[in-house]
N, C-alpha and C. Protein backbone atom coordinates (compact mmCIF):
# COMPACT_ATOMS: atom_id res chain seq x y z
N MET A 1 43.55 -30.85 -29.10
CA MET A 1 43.48 -32.20 -28.47
C MET A 1 42.03 -32.67 -28.13
N GLY A 2 41.10 -31.70 -27.67
CA GLY A 2 39.74 -32.12 -27.49
C GLY A 2 38.96 -32.62 -28.71
N PHE A 3 39.32 -31.74 -29.90
CA PHE A 3 38.52 -32.07 -31.02
C PHE A 3 38.95 -33.55 -31.69
N SER A 4 40.24 -33.75 -31.43
CA SER A 4 40.73 -35.06 -31.95
C SER A 4 40.01 -36.23 -31.25
N ILE A 5 39.79 -35.98 -29.86
CA ILE A 5 39.09 -37.14 -29.22
C ILE A 5 37.53 -37.23 -29.46
N ALA A 6 36.99 -35.92 -29.79
CA ALA A 6 35.59 -35.91 -30.02
C ALA A 6 35.46 -36.60 -31.50
N LEU A 7 36.43 -36.26 -32.50
CA LEU A 7 36.28 -36.75 -33.73
C LEU A 7 36.37 -38.48 -33.72
N ILE A 8 37.23 -38.96 -32.86
CA ILE A 8 37.29 -40.35 -32.59
C ILE A 8 35.98 -40.99 -32.15
N VAL A 9 35.41 -40.40 -31.07
CA VAL A 9 34.22 -40.83 -30.66
C VAL A 9 33.07 -40.68 -31.64
N PHE A 10 32.77 -39.49 -32.29
CA PHE A 10 31.79 -39.40 -33.18
C PHE A 10 32.12 -40.37 -34.36
N SER A 11 33.27 -40.71 -34.79
CA SER A 11 33.48 -41.61 -35.72
C SER A 11 33.09 -43.08 -35.41
N LEU A 12 33.28 -43.37 -34.23
CA LEU A 12 33.08 -44.83 -33.73
C LEU A 12 31.38 -44.85 -33.61
N LEU A 13 30.84 -43.82 -32.95
CA LEU A 13 29.47 -43.85 -32.93
C LEU A 13 28.67 -43.83 -34.32
N LEU A 14 29.21 -43.16 -35.16
CA LEU A 14 28.63 -43.00 -36.62
C LEU A 14 28.78 -44.46 -37.31
N MET A 15 29.86 -45.01 -37.15
CA MET A 15 30.01 -46.43 -37.66
C MET A 15 28.96 -47.37 -36.82
N LEU A 16 28.86 -47.36 -35.73
CA LEU A 16 27.82 -48.13 -35.07
C LEU A 16 26.53 -47.89 -35.48
N LEU A 17 26.13 -46.65 -35.59
CA LEU A 17 24.68 -46.33 -35.92
C LEU A 17 24.43 -46.67 -37.49
N VAL A 18 25.47 -46.59 -38.23
CA VAL A 18 25.11 -46.85 -39.75
C VAL A 18 25.13 -48.38 -39.87
N LEU A 19 25.90 -49.09 -39.01
CA LEU A 19 25.49 -50.64 -39.04
C LEU A 19 24.29 -51.11 -38.56
N MET A 20 23.89 -50.28 -37.74
CA MET A 20 22.56 -50.63 -37.08
C MET A 20 21.18 -50.59 -37.91
N HIS A 21 21.44 -49.69 -39.07
CA HIS A 21 20.42 -49.52 -39.92
C HIS A 21 19.97 -50.74 -40.80
N LYS A 22 18.60 -50.78 -41.05
CA LYS A 22 18.27 -52.05 -41.69
C LYS A 22 18.61 -52.00 -43.23
N GLY A 23 19.05 -53.02 -43.81
CA GLY A 23 19.18 -52.99 -45.21
C GLY A 23 18.11 -52.52 -46.15
N LYS A 24 18.33 -51.79 -47.05
CA LYS A 24 17.18 -51.49 -48.09
C LYS A 24 17.17 -52.32 -49.32
N GLY A 25 18.14 -53.25 -49.47
CA GLY A 25 18.06 -54.10 -50.55
C GLY A 25 19.13 -53.69 -51.69
N GLY A 26 19.64 -54.65 -52.29
CA GLY A 26 20.46 -54.28 -53.41
C GLY A 26 21.85 -53.90 -53.15
N GLY A 27 22.18 -54.21 -51.97
CA GLY A 27 23.64 -53.88 -51.53
C GLY A 27 24.27 -55.09 -50.83
N LEU A 28 25.26 -54.81 -50.07
CA LEU A 28 25.89 -55.78 -49.42
C LEU A 28 24.98 -56.49 -48.10
N SER A 29 23.94 -55.74 -47.77
CA SER A 29 22.91 -56.38 -46.96
C SER A 29 22.32 -57.70 -47.49
N ASP A 30 22.19 -57.68 -48.77
CA ASP A 30 21.44 -58.88 -49.44
C ASP A 30 22.36 -60.12 -49.37
N MET A 31 23.77 -59.69 -49.22
CA MET A 31 24.65 -60.90 -49.38
C MET A 31 24.57 -61.66 -47.90
N PHE A 32 24.31 -60.91 -47.04
CA PHE A 32 24.22 -61.51 -45.61
C PHE A 32 22.80 -61.87 -45.08
N GLY A 33 21.88 -61.93 -45.98
CA GLY A 33 20.57 -62.26 -45.81
C GLY A 33 19.81 -61.15 -45.29
N GLY A 34 20.08 -59.87 -45.52
CA GLY A 34 19.16 -58.82 -45.06
C GLY A 34 18.12 -58.50 -46.18
N GLY A 35 18.30 -59.10 -47.38
CA GLY A 35 17.18 -58.67 -48.39
C GLY A 35 15.98 -59.92 -48.39
N MET A 36 16.27 -60.72 -47.44
CA MET A 36 15.00 -61.69 -47.32
C MET A 36 13.80 -61.24 -46.41
N GLN A 37 13.97 -60.12 -45.88
CA GLN A 37 12.85 -59.57 -45.05
C GLN A 37 12.04 -58.57 -45.90
N SER A 38 10.83 -58.50 -45.74
CA SER A 38 10.03 -57.60 -46.57
C SER A 38 9.48 -56.58 -45.57
N SER A 39 9.23 -55.33 -46.09
CA SER A 39 8.83 -54.28 -45.16
C SER A 39 7.31 -54.27 -45.50
N VAL A 40 6.51 -54.33 -44.37
CA VAL A 40 5.22 -54.42 -44.53
C VAL A 40 4.55 -53.05 -44.75
N GLY A 41 4.92 -52.07 -43.88
CA GLY A 41 4.41 -50.72 -44.03
C GLY A 41 5.29 -49.61 -43.61
N GLY A 42 5.95 -49.11 -44.46
CA GLY A 42 6.87 -48.01 -43.95
C GLY A 42 7.94 -48.21 -42.90
N SER A 43 8.47 -47.22 -42.50
CA SER A 43 9.44 -47.42 -41.35
C SER A 43 8.81 -47.15 -40.06
N SER A 44 9.45 -47.99 -39.15
CA SER A 44 8.77 -47.73 -37.69
C SER A 44 9.32 -46.63 -36.98
N VAL A 45 8.78 -46.39 -35.85
CA VAL A 45 9.33 -45.17 -35.02
C VAL A 45 10.85 -45.36 -34.70
N ALA A 46 11.24 -46.52 -34.30
CA ALA A 46 12.46 -46.79 -33.95
C ALA A 46 13.51 -46.51 -35.10
N GLU A 47 13.12 -46.86 -36.34
CA GLU A 47 14.00 -46.69 -37.55
C GLU A 47 14.07 -45.09 -37.70
N ARG A 48 12.87 -44.35 -37.57
CA ARG A 48 13.01 -42.98 -37.92
C ARG A 48 13.76 -42.25 -36.89
N ASN A 49 13.64 -42.66 -35.64
CA ASN A 49 14.63 -42.07 -34.64
C ASN A 49 16.02 -42.48 -34.86
N LEU A 50 16.33 -43.76 -35.20
CA LEU A 50 17.67 -44.11 -35.64
C LEU A 50 18.15 -43.13 -36.69
N ASP A 51 17.37 -42.83 -37.74
CA ASP A 51 17.71 -41.98 -38.85
C ASP A 51 18.08 -40.51 -38.42
N ARG A 52 17.30 -40.02 -37.44
CA ARG A 52 17.47 -38.78 -36.78
C ARG A 52 18.80 -38.78 -36.13
N ILE A 53 19.18 -39.72 -35.36
CA ILE A 53 20.31 -39.62 -34.42
C ILE A 53 21.36 -39.73 -35.28
N THR A 54 21.37 -40.65 -36.44
CA THR A 54 22.46 -40.70 -37.33
C THR A 54 22.89 -39.47 -38.09
N ILE A 55 21.73 -38.57 -38.38
CA ILE A 55 21.90 -37.41 -39.14
C ILE A 55 22.53 -36.29 -38.02
N VAL A 56 22.05 -36.33 -36.79
CA VAL A 56 22.71 -35.45 -35.82
C VAL A 56 24.21 -35.99 -35.54
N VAL A 57 24.52 -37.12 -35.43
CA VAL A 57 25.86 -37.49 -35.08
C VAL A 57 26.84 -37.09 -36.30
N GLY A 58 26.22 -37.44 -37.53
CA GLY A 58 26.99 -37.10 -38.84
C GLY A 58 27.23 -35.65 -38.76
N THR A 59 26.23 -34.76 -38.49
CA THR A 59 26.61 -33.31 -38.52
C THR A 59 27.67 -32.95 -37.48
N CYS A 60 27.49 -33.59 -36.36
CA CYS A 60 28.54 -33.15 -35.33
C CYS A 60 29.93 -33.61 -35.71
N TRP A 61 29.89 -34.93 -36.53
CA TRP A 61 31.22 -35.40 -36.89
C TRP A 61 31.77 -34.39 -37.94
N PHE A 62 31.10 -33.89 -38.81
CA PHE A 62 31.53 -32.99 -39.92
C PHE A 62 31.99 -31.61 -39.17
N ALA A 63 31.16 -31.31 -38.17
CA ALA A 63 31.55 -30.00 -37.44
C ALA A 63 32.93 -30.14 -36.76
N CYS A 64 33.40 -31.41 -36.23
CA CYS A 64 34.60 -31.83 -35.67
C CYS A 64 35.61 -31.54 -36.67
N ILE A 65 35.49 -32.06 -37.75
CA ILE A 65 36.32 -32.11 -38.83
C ILE A 65 36.75 -30.57 -39.34
N VAL A 66 35.77 -29.87 -39.55
CA VAL A 66 35.87 -28.48 -39.85
C VAL A 66 36.64 -27.73 -38.86
N ALA A 67 36.33 -27.90 -37.53
CA ALA A 67 36.80 -27.18 -36.58
C ALA A 67 38.41 -27.59 -36.41
N LEU A 68 38.62 -28.94 -36.39
CA LEU A 68 39.96 -29.42 -36.28
C LEU A 68 40.80 -29.07 -37.25
N GLY A 69 40.20 -28.76 -38.69
CA GLY A 69 41.05 -28.33 -39.74
C GLY A 69 41.31 -26.77 -39.57
N LEU A 70 40.42 -25.99 -39.05
CA LEU A 70 40.70 -24.77 -38.68
C LEU A 70 41.65 -24.53 -37.67
N VAL A 71 41.66 -25.28 -36.46
CA VAL A 71 42.61 -25.18 -35.53
C VAL A 71 43.99 -25.61 -35.90
N LEU A 72 44.07 -26.47 -36.78
CA LEU A 72 45.33 -27.01 -37.17
C LEU A 72 45.91 -25.97 -38.25
N LYS A 73 45.11 -25.21 -39.08
CA LYS A 73 45.43 -24.37 -39.89
C LYS A 73 45.82 -23.13 -39.23
N LEU A 74 45.24 -22.69 -38.25
CA LEU A 74 45.69 -21.43 -37.27
C LEU A 74 46.84 -21.65 -36.26
N ASP A 75 47.16 -22.93 -36.08
CA ASP A 75 48.28 -23.14 -35.36
C ASP A 75 49.43 -23.05 -36.03
N SER A 76 49.51 -23.32 -37.32
CA SER A 76 50.91 -23.47 -38.04
C SER A 76 51.22 -22.30 -38.62
C-alpha cells in the first residue's frame, strides 16, 4: 500500500517537473510559443537544479515501480 501511494506521489511530481522544463525547440513547445525565445548563454542555475531534481524524482519513481513489482510478485 505504501509503495502505491509513493508511486502516485512521484508520478504527479514527475509530471509537474517535466512540464516546468523550458522547451528546447522542435517539439510541442513550439506549437504553444516556446520556440520564440532564444537562449543567450547556456542554462541557468535554476534550470540545472530543475534537471537534477527531475533525475532524482525519476530515479525514485523507477525504484518504486521495481519495489512494487517485487512486492506483488512475492505476495502471489
